[in-house]
Structure formats: C-alpha cells, structure tokens
C-alpha cells in the first residue's frame, strides 16, 4: 500500500503496467547508484557515507528485519546504500540526521532497496 500512498504509480496503470513501472524504476535506481559511486570524488563519497553510517548503525536492532549485532547485516548495508545514493543524487539536501528513521521502515516493509528508494524520494 505504501507505493500507492506515496504516489509511486502514475494514474490509470493496469496491474501489468505497474509491475513494468517498478522494474523500470528499479533499473533506474541501480544505474543511478552505480553512476554516482563511479563519478563522485572519493573524499566526497567517504564524507557522505560516514554521515549516513552513523545513523544506520543506530537503526533498531530489536526489529527482526535489522536484527543481530552484525554491523554488516545485509539490510543495514541496503539502508546505507539507499541513503548514500539519495544524498549524492540530491546534493543541495544531501543527508540529514534522522532520514534513516524514515527510510528504514520503508525498506523493512517493501524488502526492496530500489522500491524503498523511490518511495523515500
């Protein structure tokens, strides 16, 4: 329901068209993520990633989706990538403390990094 509440789908799409739209958005996200990682100067990438990482590590580990003591949990890494990509794609806004509090429930519910990114945007 989050995809509908956040107006991810253009109006009047059929069920098959919605699936195609999600696949296209996922491909766009993966291409954006790769392009930003490749084109961002290493010092800038490190600065943004470090800011994001501080909040990502504070994500509620009692929640089953993010559970465990491992700081390299795959869902935490997905949240890190989502937020870093957002910050690099939106340099005027970049990353603000607490953005992870909005993105982490989206990722946990959707269980898809690309879809969570689109909803977060």
C-alpha atoms as a PDB file:
ATOM      1  CA  UNK A   1       0.000   0.000   0.000  1.00  0.00           C
ATOM      2  CA  UNK A   2       2.983   2.366   0.537  1.00  0.00           C
ATOM      3  CA  UNK A   3       3.574   2.584  -3.203  1.00  0.00           C
ATOM      4  CA  UNK A   4       0.025   3.869  -3.605  1.00  0.00           C
ATOM      5  CA  UNK A   5       0.075   6.208  -0.613  1.00  0.00           C
ATOM      6  CA  UNK A   6       3.303   7.800  -1.835  1.00  0.00           C
ATOM      7  CA  UNK A   7       2.032   8.148  -5.428  1.00  0.00           C
ATOM      8  CA  UNK A   8       4.712   5.969  -6.982  1.00  0.00           C
ATOM      9  CA  UNK A   9       2.431   4.848  -9.791  1.00  0.00           C
ATOM     10  CA  UNK A  10       1.145   7.208 -12.450  1.00  0.00           C
ATOM     11  CA  UNK A  11      -2.654   7.261 -12.642  1.00  0.00           C
ATOM     12  CA  UNK A  12      -4.577   4.666 -14.633  1.00  0.00           C
ATOM     13  CA  UNK A  13      -1.922   1.939 -14.869  1.00  0.00           C
ATOM     14  CA  UNK A  14      -3.038  -1.661 -15.165  1.00  0.00           C
ATOM     15  CA  UNK A  15      -1.580  -4.309 -12.884  1.00  0.00           C
ATOM     16  CA  UNK A  16       0.925  -5.408 -15.527  1.00  0.00           C
ATOM     17  CA  UNK A  17       1.892  -1.800 -16.224  1.00  0.00           C
ATOM     18  CA  UNK A  18       2.534  -1.232 -12.511  1.00  0.00           C
ATOM     19  CA  UNK A  19       4.909  -4.207 -12.462  1.00  0.00           C
ATOM     20  CA  UNK A  20       6.710  -2.853 -15.534  1.00  0.00           C
ATOM     21  CA  UNK A  21       6.894   0.575 -13.910  1.00  0.00           C
ATOM     22  CA  UNK A  22       8.510  -0.933 -10.773  1.00  0.00           C
ATOM     23  CA  UNK A  23      11.018  -2.883 -12.873  1.00  0.00           C
ATOM     24  CA  UNK A  24      11.931   0.284 -14.783  1.00  0.00           C
ATOM     25  CA  UNK A  25      12.311   2.301 -11.569  1.00  0.00           C
ATOM     26  CA  UNK A  26      14.490  -0.454 -10.085  1.00  0.00           C
ATOM     27  CA  UNK A  27      16.738  -0.413 -13.146  1.00  0.00           C
ATOM     28  CA  UNK A  28      16.952   3.385 -12.992  1.00  0.00           C
ATOM     29  CA  UNK A  29      17.915   3.227  -9.318  1.00  0.00           C
ATOM     30  CA  UNK A  30      20.651   0.643  -9.890  1.00  0.00           C
ATOM     31  CA  UNK A  31      22.069   2.695 -12.772  1.00  0.00           C
ATOM     32  CA  UNK A  32      21.960   5.889 -10.687  1.00  0.00           C
ATOM     33  CA  UNK A  33      23.619   4.170  -7.736  1.00  0.00           C
ATOM     34  CA  UNK A  34      26.453   2.845  -9.926  1.00  0.00           C
ATOM     35  CA  UNK A  35      26.924   6.142 -11.778  1.00  0.00           C
ATOM     36  CA  UNK A  36      27.078   8.192  -8.587  1.00  0.00           C
ATOM     37  CA  UNK A  37      29.517   5.790  -6.943  1.00  0.00           C
ATOM     38  CA  UNK A  38      31.766   5.944 -10.004  1.00  0.00           C
ATOM     39  CA  UNK A  39      31.620   9.698 -10.571  1.00  0.00           C
ATOM     40  CA  UNK A  40      31.773  11.052  -7.013  1.00  0.00           C
ATOM     41  CA  UNK A  41      35.233  12.045  -5.795  1.00  0.00           C
ATOM     42  CA  UNK A  42      36.392   9.532  -3.159  1.00  0.00           C
ATOM     43  CA  UNK A  43      36.677  12.165  -0.415  1.00  0.00           C
ATOM     44  CA  UNK A  44      33.098  13.353  -1.023  1.00  0.00           C
ATOM     45  CA  UNK A  45      31.809   9.792  -1.130  1.00  0.00           C
ATOM     46  CA  UNK A  46      33.576   8.988   2.138  1.00  0.00           C
ATOM     47  CA  UNK A  47      32.185  12.106   3.829  1.00  0.00           C
ATOM     48  CA  UNK A  48      28.582  11.359   2.821  1.00  0.00           C
ATOM     49  CA  UNK A  49      28.855   7.634   3.549  1.00  0.00           C
ATOM     50  CA  UNK A  50      30.311   8.351   7.002  1.00  0.00           C
ATOM     51  CA  UNK A  51      27.449  10.689   7.884  1.00  0.00           C
ATOM     52  CA  UNK A  52      24.898   8.136   6.757  1.00  0.00           C
ATOM     53  CA  UNK A  53      26.663   5.258   8.507  1.00  0.00           C
ATOM     54  CA  UNK A  54      26.390   6.941  11.915  1.00  0.00           C
ATOM     55  CA  UNK A  55      22.586   6.854  11.721  1.00  0.00           C
ATOM     56  CA  UNK A  56      22.364   3.476  10.006  1.00  0.00           C
ATOM     57  CA  UNK A  57      24.233   1.883  12.908  1.00  0.00           C
ATOM     58  CA  UNK A  58      21.608   3.334  15.269  1.00  0.00           C
ATOM     59  CA  UNK A  59      18.782   1.531  13.459  1.00  0.00           C
ATOM     60  CA  UNK A  60      16.630  -0.501  15.845  1.00  0.00           C
ATOM     61  CA  UNK A  61      18.365  -3.879  16.050  1.00  0.00           C
ATOM     62  CA  UNK A  62      15.454  -5.286  18.050  1.00  0.00           C
ATOM     63  CA  UNK A  63      13.364  -5.211  14.863  1.00  0.00           C
ATOM     64  CA  UNK A  64      13.594  -8.622  13.183  1.00  0.00           C
ATOM     65  CA  UNK A  65      14.429  -7.096   9.789  1.00  0.00           C
ATOM     66  CA  UNK A  66      17.540  -5.388  11.134  1.00  0.00           C
ATOM     67  CA  UNK A  67      18.196  -7.809  13.997  1.00  0.00           C
ATOM     68  CA  UNK A  68      21.567  -9.007  15.097  1.00  0.00           C
ATOM     69  CA  UNK A  69      24.775  -7.496  16.337  1.00  0.00           C
ATOM     70  CA  UNK A  70      26.476  -7.613  12.935  1.00  0.00           C
ATOM     71  CA  UNK A  71      27.170  -4.094  11.625  1.00  0.00           C
ATOM     72  CA  UNK A  72      27.413  -5.568   8.123  1.00  0.00           C
ATOM     73  CA  UNK A  73      23.901  -7.038   8.171  1.00  0.00           C
ATOM     74  CA  UNK A  74      22.647  -7.074   4.541  1.00  0.00           C
ATOM     75  CA  UNK A  75      19.605  -4.957   5.383  1.00  0.00           C
ATOM     76  CA  UNK A  76      21.766  -2.347   7.098  1.00  0.00           C
ATOM     77  CA  UNK A  77      24.015  -2.263   4.041  1.00  0.00           C
ATOM     78  CA  UNK A  78      20.956  -1.782   1.804  1.00  0.00           C
ATOM     79  CA  UNK A  79      19.796   1.096   4.020  1.00  0.00           C
ATOM     80  CA  UNK A  80      23.304   2.590   3.851  1.00  0.00           C
ATOM     81  CA  UNK A  81      23.320   2.362   0.050  1.00  0.00           C
ATOM     82  CA  UNK A  82      19.810   3.787  -0.276  1.00  0.00           C
ATOM     83  CA  UNK A  83      20.587   6.825   1.876  1.00  0.00           C
ATOM     84  CA  UNK A  84      24.029   7.417   0.390  1.00  0.00           C
ATOM     85  CA  UNK A  85      22.576   7.286  -3.111  1.00  0.00           C
ATOM     86  CA  UNK A  86      19.863   9.728  -2.090  1.00  0.00           C
ATOM     87  CA  UNK A  87      22.380  12.152  -0.579  1.00  0.00           C
ATOM     88  CA  UNK A  88      24.612  12.052  -3.643  1.00  0.00           C
ATOM     89  CA  UNK A  89      21.673  12.408  -6.042  1.00  0.00           C
ATOM     90  CA  UNK A  90      20.317  15.388  -4.085  1.00  0.00           C
ATOM     91  CA  UNK A  91      23.445  17.388  -3.187  1.00  0.00           C
ATOM     92  CA  UNK A  92      21.576  20.519  -2.098  1.00  0.00           C
ATOM     93  CA  UNK A  93      19.722  18.486   0.511  1.00  0.00           C
ATOM     94  CA  UNK A  94      22.352  15.748   0.986  1.00  0.00           C
ATOM     95  CA  UNK A  95      21.863  13.716   4.167  1.00  0.00           C
ATOM     96  CA  UNK A  96      20.220  14.985   7.322  1.00  0.00           C
ATOM     97  CA  UNK A  97      20.228  13.191  10.640  1.00  0.00           C
ATOM     98  CA  UNK A  98      17.037  11.195  11.034  1.00  0.00           C
ATOM     99  CA  UNK A  99      16.469  10.387   7.370  1.00  0.00           C
ATOM    100  CA  UNK A 100      17.225   6.787   8.273  1.00  0.00           C
ATOM    101  CA  UNK A 101      14.214   6.856  10.619  1.00  0.00           C
ATOM    102  CA  UNK A 102      12.009   7.448   7.575  1.00  0.00           C
ATOM    103  CA  UNK A 103      13.829   5.141   5.150  1.00  0.00           C
ATOM    104  CA  UNK A 104      14.292   2.125   7.455  1.00  0.00           C
ATOM    105  CA  UNK A 105      10.561   1.316   7.858  1.00  0.00           C
ATOM    106  CA  UNK A 106      10.077   1.666   4.097  1.00  0.00           C
ATOM    107  CA  UNK A 107      12.906  -0.772   3.454  1.00  0.00           C
ATOM    108  CA  UNK A 108      11.629  -3.194   6.083  1.00  0.00           C
ATOM    109  CA  UNK A 109       8.090  -3.191   4.696  1.00  0.00           C
ATOM    110  CA  UNK A 110       8.959  -3.249   0.998  1.00  0.00           C
ATOM    111  CA  UNK A 111      12.029  -5.510   1.375  1.00  0.00           C
ATOM    112  CA  UNK A 112      13.434  -3.991  -1.811  1.00  0.00           C
ATOM    113  CA  UNK A 113      16.157  -1.344  -1.803  1.00  0.00           C
ATOM    114  CA  UNK A 114      15.165   0.214  -5.140  1.00  0.00           C
ATOM    115  CA  UNK A 115      11.478   0.444  -4.290  1.00  0.00           C
ATOM    116  CA  UNK A 116      12.283   1.859  -0.865  1.00  0.00           C
ATOM    117  CA  UNK A 117      14.483   4.484  -2.552  1.00  0.00           C
ATOM    118  CA  UNK A 118      11.676   5.516  -4.902  1.00  0.00           C
ATOM    119  CA  UNK A 119       9.229   5.751  -2.011  1.00  0.00           C
ATOM    120  CA  UNK A 120      11.741   7.681   0.087  1.00  0.00           C
ATOM    121  CA  UNK A 121      12.270  10.183  -2.721  1.00  0.00           C
END
